[in-house]
Protein backbone atom coordinates (compact mmCIF):
# COMPACT_ATOMS: atom_id res chain seq x y z
CA MET A 1 150.00 -114.22 -114.32
CA PRO A 2 146.36 -115.01 -115.09
CA PRO A 3 143.66 -114.29 -112.49
CA THR A 4 142.54 -116.51 -109.69
CA ASP A 5 138.82 -115.98 -110.22
CA ALA A 6 136.10 -113.54 -111.14
CA SER A 7 134.55 -110.79 -109.06
CA THR A 8 131.87 -111.74 -106.56
CA ASP A 9 129.20 -110.92 -109.09
CA ALA A 10 131.31 -111.47 -112.17
CA ASP A 11 130.46 -115.15 -112.78
CA THR A 12 134.02 -116.08 -113.80
CA ALA A 13 136.81 -118.48 -113.11
CA PRO A 14 140.18 -117.76 -114.78
CA PHE A 15 143.17 -119.95 -115.22
CA THR A 16 146.67 -119.90 -116.83
CA ASP A 17 146.93 -120.68 -120.59
CA ILE A 18 150.25 -121.70 -122.16
CA GLY A 19 151.55 -123.18 -125.37
CA THR A 20 154.38 -123.42 -127.86
CA ALA A 21 154.91 -124.68 -131.41
CA THR A 22 158.02 -125.20 -133.47
CA SER A 23 158.99 -126.55 -136.79
CA ALA A 24 162.19 -127.39 -138.58
CA GLY A 25 163.49 -128.62 -141.96
CA ALA A 26 166.67 -129.96 -143.58
CA ARG A 27 168.21 -130.40 -147.07
CA GLU A 28 170.11 -133.45 -148.41
CA SER A 29 173.53 -132.62 -149.86
CA ARG A 30 175.42 -134.30 -152.73
CA GLY A 31 179.07 -134.79 -153.66
CA GLY A 32 182.08 -135.17 -151.44
CA PRO A 33 185.01 -137.66 -151.36
CA ALA A 34 184.44 -141.40 -151.93
CA ALA A 35 183.70 -143.37 -148.81
CA ASP A 36 186.57 -145.91 -149.46
CA ALA A 37 189.33 -143.41 -150.27
CA SER A 38 192.61 -144.44 -148.70
CA ALA A 39 193.78 -142.25 -145.86
CA ASP A 40 197.49 -142.87 -146.44
CA GLY A 41 197.64 -142.70 -150.27
CA GLU A 42 198.28 -146.39 -150.70
CA ASP A 43 197.83 -147.72 -154.28
CA THR A 44 194.65 -149.69 -154.99
CA LEU A 45 194.60 -153.20 -156.51
CA ASP A 46 194.32 -153.45 -160.30
CA VAL A 47 191.43 -155.88 -160.72
CA PRO A 48 190.90 -157.15 -164.32
CA LEU A 49 187.36 -156.91 -165.70
CA PRO A 50 185.63 -160.22 -166.67
CA ASP A 51 185.41 -161.04 -170.40
CA GLU A 52 181.64 -160.53 -170.35
CA ILE A 53 181.88 -156.99 -169.13
CA THR A 54 184.65 -156.21 -171.67
CA ALA A 55 182.43 -157.60 -174.52
CA LEU A 56 179.55 -155.45 -173.36
CA PHE A 57 181.61 -152.29 -173.55
CA ALA A 58 182.88 -153.31 -176.97
CA GLU A 59 179.28 -153.37 -178.27
CA ASP A 60 178.56 -149.87 -177.00
CA THR A 61 179.83 -147.80 -179.93
CA GLY A 62 177.85 -144.66 -179.12
CA GLY A 63 178.48 -144.20 -175.44
CA GLY A 64 175.09 -145.70 -174.45
CA VAL A 65 173.92 -149.10 -173.27
CA ALA A 66 173.22 -151.94 -175.74
CA GLY A 67 169.49 -152.39 -176.20
CA SER A 68 166.74 -149.89 -175.23
CA LEU A 69 164.15 -149.75 -172.42
CA GLY A 70 161.32 -149.36 -174.95
CA GLY A 71 162.34 -152.07 -177.45
CA GLY A 72 163.96 -151.64 -180.92
CA SER A 73 167.32 -152.59 -182.36
CA ALA A 74 170.64 -152.58 -180.69
CA ALA A 75 171.91 -150.10 -183.36
CA GLY A 76 169.22 -147.65 -182.53
CA ALA A 77 169.97 -147.95 -178.82
CA ALA A 78 173.67 -147.32 -179.40
CA ALA A 79 172.85 -144.01 -181.13
CA ALA A 80 170.53 -142.81 -178.34
CA PRO A 81 171.68 -143.28 -174.77
CA VAL A 82 169.09 -144.25 -172.20
CA PRO A 83 168.25 -141.37 -169.84
CA ASP A 84 169.38 -141.65 -166.24
CA PRO A 85 166.26 -142.89 -164.43
CA VAL A 86 167.27 -140.86 -161.31
CA ALA A 87 167.79 -137.50 -162.99
CA ARG A 88 164.91 -135.31 -163.99
CA PRO A 89 164.85 -132.58 -166.56
CA VAL A 90 165.01 -129.05 -165.06
CA PRO A 91 162.73 -126.41 -166.68
CA GLU A 92 164.63 -123.42 -167.95
CA SER A 93 162.72 -121.14 -165.62
CA GLU A 94 163.50 -123.12 -162.47
CA PRO A 95 166.49 -121.79 -160.50
CA VAL A 96 169.23 -124.36 -159.94
CA LEU A 97 172.13 -124.69 -157.60
CA ASP A 98 175.67 -125.35 -158.88
CA VAL A 99 176.53 -128.43 -156.79
CA PRO A 100 178.84 -131.41 -157.33
CA GLY A 101 177.14 -134.03 -159.48
CA GLY A 102 175.19 -131.64 -161.66
CA PRO A 103 172.59 -128.93 -161.11
CA MET A 104 170.05 -129.51 -158.41
CA PRO A 105 166.77 -127.56 -158.19
CA ASP A 106 166.13 -125.29 -155.20
CA PRO A 107 164.02 -126.92 -152.56
CA PRO A 108 160.46 -125.51 -152.34
CA ALA A 109 160.16 -122.42 -150.19
CA ALA A 110 158.97 -123.05 -146.64
CA PRO A 111 155.32 -122.02 -146.08
CA ALA A 112 154.78 -118.70 -144.41
CA PRO A 113 154.31 -118.97 -140.59
CA THR A 114 150.73 -119.03 -139.54
CA SER A 115 149.49 -115.97 -137.71
CA ASP A 116 148.42 -116.14 -134.07
CA LEU A 117 144.86 -115.35 -135.08
CA SER A 118 144.56 -118.20 -137.60
CA VAL A 119 146.05 -120.59 -135.05
CA ALA A 120 143.49 -119.38 -132.50
CA GLU A 121 140.70 -119.92 -135.00
CA ASP A 122 141.88 -123.47 -135.67
CA LEU A 123 141.86 -124.47 -131.98
CA LEU A 124 138.53 -122.77 -131.15
CA ASP A 125 136.67 -122.94 -134.40
CA HIS A 126 136.87 -119.29 -135.55
CA ILE A 127 135.52 -117.40 -132.53
CA GLY A 128 135.75 -114.19 -134.49
CA ASP A 129 133.21 -115.57 -136.92
CA TRP A 130 130.70 -116.86 -134.40
CA GLY A 131 128.55 -113.77 -134.70
CA PRO A 132 125.88 -112.44 -132.34
CA ILE A 133 123.36 -114.46 -130.38
CA SER A 134 119.93 -113.48 -129.02
CA THR A 135 119.44 -113.67 -125.26
CA PRO A 136 116.56 -112.67 -123.00
CA ALA A 137 118.68 -109.64 -122.09
CA GLY A 138 119.37 -108.59 -125.69
CA VAL A 139 121.75 -109.48 -128.50
CA LEU A 140 125.21 -110.51 -127.27
CA HIS A 141 128.27 -110.49 -129.51
CA LEU A 142 131.71 -111.85 -128.49
CA VAL A 143 134.44 -109.82 -130.21
CA PRO A 144 138.09 -110.93 -129.88
CA VAL A 145 140.04 -108.35 -127.87
CA ARG A 146 142.28 -105.75 -129.57
CA VAL A 147 144.65 -104.30 -126.96
CA ASP A 148 144.90 -100.84 -128.55
CA ARG A 149 141.10 -100.53 -128.56
CA ASP A 150 139.95 -102.45 -125.48
CA LEU A 151 142.67 -102.12 -122.85
CA PRO A 152 141.34 -98.92 -121.10
CA ILE A 153 137.83 -100.31 -120.41
CA ILE A 154 139.08 -103.76 -119.35
CA ASP A 155 141.69 -102.23 -117.09
CA ARG A 156 139.00 -100.04 -115.52
CA TRP A 157 136.88 -103.20 -114.75
CA MET A 158 139.96 -104.98 -113.30
CA ASN A 159 140.49 -102.10 -110.87
CA ASP A 160 137.04 -102.54 -109.34
CA PRO A 161 137.76 -103.91 -105.83
CA ALA A 162 135.09 -106.57 -106.18
CA VAL A 163 136.78 -107.81 -109.42
CA ALA A 164 140.36 -107.41 -108.16
CA ALA A 165 139.63 -109.69 -105.22
CA PHE A 166 139.49 -112.64 -107.62
CA TRP A 167 141.30 -111.57 -110.81
CA GLY A 168 144.26 -109.92 -109.07
CA LEU A 169 145.01 -107.44 -111.87
CA ALA A 170 144.37 -104.13 -110.06
CA GLY A 171 146.95 -101.38 -110.09
CA SER A 172 149.07 -100.42 -113.06
CA GLN A 173 147.50 -100.81 -116.47
CA ASN A 174 150.61 -102.83 -117.36
CA ALA A 175 149.36 -105.77 -115.41
CA THR A 176 146.12 -105.98 -117.46
CA GLU A 177 148.00 -105.37 -120.70
CA GLU A 178 150.45 -108.17 -119.96
CA HIS A 179 147.60 -110.51 -119.18
CA LEU A 180 145.88 -109.76 -122.45
CA ARG A 181 148.99 -109.95 -124.54
CA THR A 182 149.95 -113.26 -123.01
CA HIS A 183 146.69 -114.79 -124.24
CA LEU A 184 146.92 -113.05 -127.66
CA ALA A 185 150.56 -114.14 -128.23
CA GLY A 186 149.86 -117.77 -127.31
CA ASP A 187 149.07 -120.61 -129.67
CA GLY A 188 145.34 -119.86 -129.65
CA ARG A 189 144.19 -122.21 -126.87
CA SER A 190 142.69 -119.17 -125.07
CA VAL A 191 140.93 -116.26 -126.80
CA PRO A 192 140.02 -113.12 -124.77
CA CYS A 193 136.84 -111.41 -125.96
CA LEU A 194 134.82 -108.31 -125.19
CA GLY A 195 131.12 -108.96 -124.71
CA LEU A 196 128.87 -106.42 -126.47
CA LEU A 197 125.27 -106.43 -125.24
CA GLU A 198 123.10 -104.51 -127.73
CA GLY A 199 126.29 -103.02 -129.04
CA THR A 200 127.57 -101.79 -125.66
CA PRO A 201 130.76 -103.29 -124.09
CA MET A 202 129.71 -104.69 -120.70
CA SER A 203 131.65 -107.93 -120.10
CA TYR A 204 135.04 -109.61 -120.58
CA TRP A 205 135.22 -113.31 -121.58
CA GLU A 206 138.03 -115.85 -122.01
CA ILE A 207 137.03 -118.89 -124.08
CA TYR A 208 139.73 -121.55 -123.86
CA ARG A 209 140.49 -125.20 -124.59
CA ALA A 210 140.22 -126.75 -121.18
CA ASP A 211 141.70 -130.05 -122.49
CA LEU A 212 144.84 -128.13 -123.46
CA ASP A 213 145.03 -126.01 -120.34
CA PRO A 214 146.87 -126.82 -117.09
CA LEU A 215 143.34 -127.31 -115.66
CA ALA A 216 143.34 -130.69 -117.50
CA ARG A 217 145.83 -132.01 -114.93
CA HIS A 218 143.19 -131.60 -112.20
CA TYR A 219 140.14 -133.28 -113.66
CA PRO A 220 139.42 -136.13 -116.17
CA ALA A 221 139.53 -133.90 -119.32
CA ARG A 222 138.10 -135.04 -122.60
CA PRO A 223 139.18 -133.90 -126.10
CA HIS A 224 137.75 -130.48 -127.05
CA ASP A 225 136.46 -129.65 -123.55
CA THR A 226 135.94 -125.86 -123.71
CA GLY A 227 136.35 -123.58 -120.71
CA VAL A 228 134.79 -120.17 -120.03
CA HIS A 229 135.73 -117.26 -117.78
CA LEU A 230 133.36 -114.26 -117.38
CA LEU A 231 133.61 -110.82 -115.88
CA ILE A 232 130.63 -108.55 -115.72
CA GLY A 233 132.06 -105.06 -116.01
CA ALA A 234 129.50 -102.54 -114.94
CA VAL A 235 128.36 -102.57 -111.32
CA GLY A 236 124.82 -101.96 -112.36
CA ASP A 237 124.79 -105.16 -114.43
CA ARG A 238 125.69 -107.37 -111.42
CA GLY A 239 123.40 -109.04 -108.96
CA ARG A 240 120.34 -109.27 -111.16
CA GLY A 241 120.80 -112.66 -112.86
CA LEU A 242 122.48 -111.29 -116.00
CA GLY A 243 125.54 -113.49 -115.55
CA GLY A 244 123.53 -116.72 -115.63
CA THR A 245 121.57 -115.55 -118.69
CA LEU A 246 124.71 -114.71 -120.70
CA LEU A 247 126.56 -117.85 -119.59
CA ARG A 248 123.70 -120.02 -120.84
CA ALA A 249 123.66 -118.20 -124.17
CA VAL A 250 127.40 -118.45 -124.66
CA ALA A 251 127.39 -122.15 -123.72
CA ASP A 252 124.68 -122.80 -126.29
CA LEU A 253 126.62 -120.75 -128.90
CA THR A 254 129.76 -122.75 -128.15
CA PHE A 255 127.95 -126.04 -128.64
CA ASP A 256 126.48 -124.75 -131.97
CA LYS A 257 129.84 -123.51 -133.31
CA ARG A 258 132.12 -126.31 -131.90
CA PRO A 259 130.46 -129.62 -132.85
CA ALA A 260 133.42 -131.62 -131.46
CA CYS A 261 132.87 -130.12 -128.00
CA ALA A 262 130.77 -132.31 -125.71
CA ARG A 263 131.32 -130.38 -122.48
CA ILE A 264 131.87 -126.83 -121.31
CA VAL A 265 133.65 -126.38 -117.97
CA ALA A 266 134.42 -123.58 -115.59
CA GLU A 267 136.35 -123.34 -112.27
CA PRO A 268 135.21 -120.39 -110.14
CA ASP A 269 136.67 -119.84 -106.72
CA ILE A 270 134.69 -121.93 -104.25
CA ARG A 271 134.29 -118.80 -102.15
CA ASN A 272 132.64 -116.93 -104.95
CA THR A 273 129.08 -118.21 -104.25
CA PRO A 274 127.31 -115.74 -106.57
CA SER A 275 129.53 -116.95 -109.42
CA VAL A 276 128.86 -120.61 -108.66
CA ALA A 277 125.10 -119.78 -108.45
CA ALA A 278 125.24 -118.12 -111.89
CA PHE A 279 126.78 -121.22 -113.48
CA LEU A 280 124.13 -123.42 -111.83
CA SER A 281 121.39 -121.17 -113.21
CA ALA A 282 122.97 -121.49 -116.69
CA GLY A 283 122.62 -125.26 -116.76
CA PHE A 284 126.00 -126.20 -115.36
CA ARG A 285 126.28 -128.93 -112.71
CA PHE A 286 128.67 -128.92 -109.77
CA SER A 287 131.14 -131.75 -110.45
CA ALA A 288 133.84 -131.51 -107.76
CA GLU A 289 136.11 -129.28 -105.75
CA VAL A 290 139.56 -129.11 -107.10
CA ASP A 291 142.75 -127.71 -105.61
CA LEU A 292 144.40 -125.42 -108.22
CA PRO A 293 147.70 -123.58 -107.76
CA THR A 294 146.03 -120.29 -106.87
CA LYS A 295 142.67 -121.29 -105.40
CA ARG A 296 140.27 -124.00 -104.37
CA ALA A 297 137.74 -124.11 -107.20
CA ALA A 298 134.26 -125.45 -107.87
CA LEU A 299 134.47 -127.50 -111.11
CA MET A 300 131.28 -126.68 -113.06
CA VAL A 301 130.32 -128.72 -116.10
CA ARG A 302 127.63 -128.33 -118.72
CA ASP A 303 127.05 -131.39 -120.88
CA ARG A 304 125.87 -131.19 -124.51
CA SER A 305 123.59 -134.17 -123.87
CA LEU A 306 121.82 -132.25 -121.08
CA ARG A 307 121.68 -128.85 -122.68
CA HIS A 308 117.93 -129.02 -123.28
CA LEU A 309 117.20 -130.52 -119.78
CA LEU A 310 119.17 -128.16 -117.50
């Protein structure tokens, strides 16, 4: 279960991210009994052929059809049957199936399933390739989470009482691991990232497609709206304006790397006043209060058109 919000000084606002994708295929079969076969074995009528049809067969001395599709004499056509326009030649190297009605080539192999990472990159424009960004506090780099590498430090942050009050992931490391794996195993609409400031891990981020998130049921979402959750990890990094500085930088980076995105949104718990203040200082505007399943949230919005004014 995703968190309800960030810590008091974490400048976050988490939410549940879900998604599925399926695909299917089918093959056409050939052969089988005639559709008009009699069920009780009754004899069929002996219908005589018209004289014109009989004469046509009499002219076909070579087993072909009189005349040719490309012109020429009737004699030449009789010696060279016209190819079946439906059939196609099968290269010797192509595997075939032994089916009624003649050999039929194998259908092309289904494409390999796309990995979770490539799906994620499609939905959020290759977050792993966004690269570092300069901020007044130093160079920040968002790196997609690897559970085997990042779980211990993220779990330690989640067990900070100030963080646990809003994220709700304190206790066993299994809770944090399940939370991370849920995002990583999804269809890519939410990507958890570790924030490295001057090379040092100090924050946890979730960049997500707000228009594809359950949040979209609670506000007038637009295509490619991008959401952000932030957790400042170290206690010493909180309460000195760092959250607002990093939020502004990540919002600008998102606009630069996601040209289709016109708005960035967040939904911190309305009680988390330091978090709301951090979003305001980062150029977000307060849009509305919304009742979400786990909290009453402040909907914060940063508009691309106002990015240089706020």
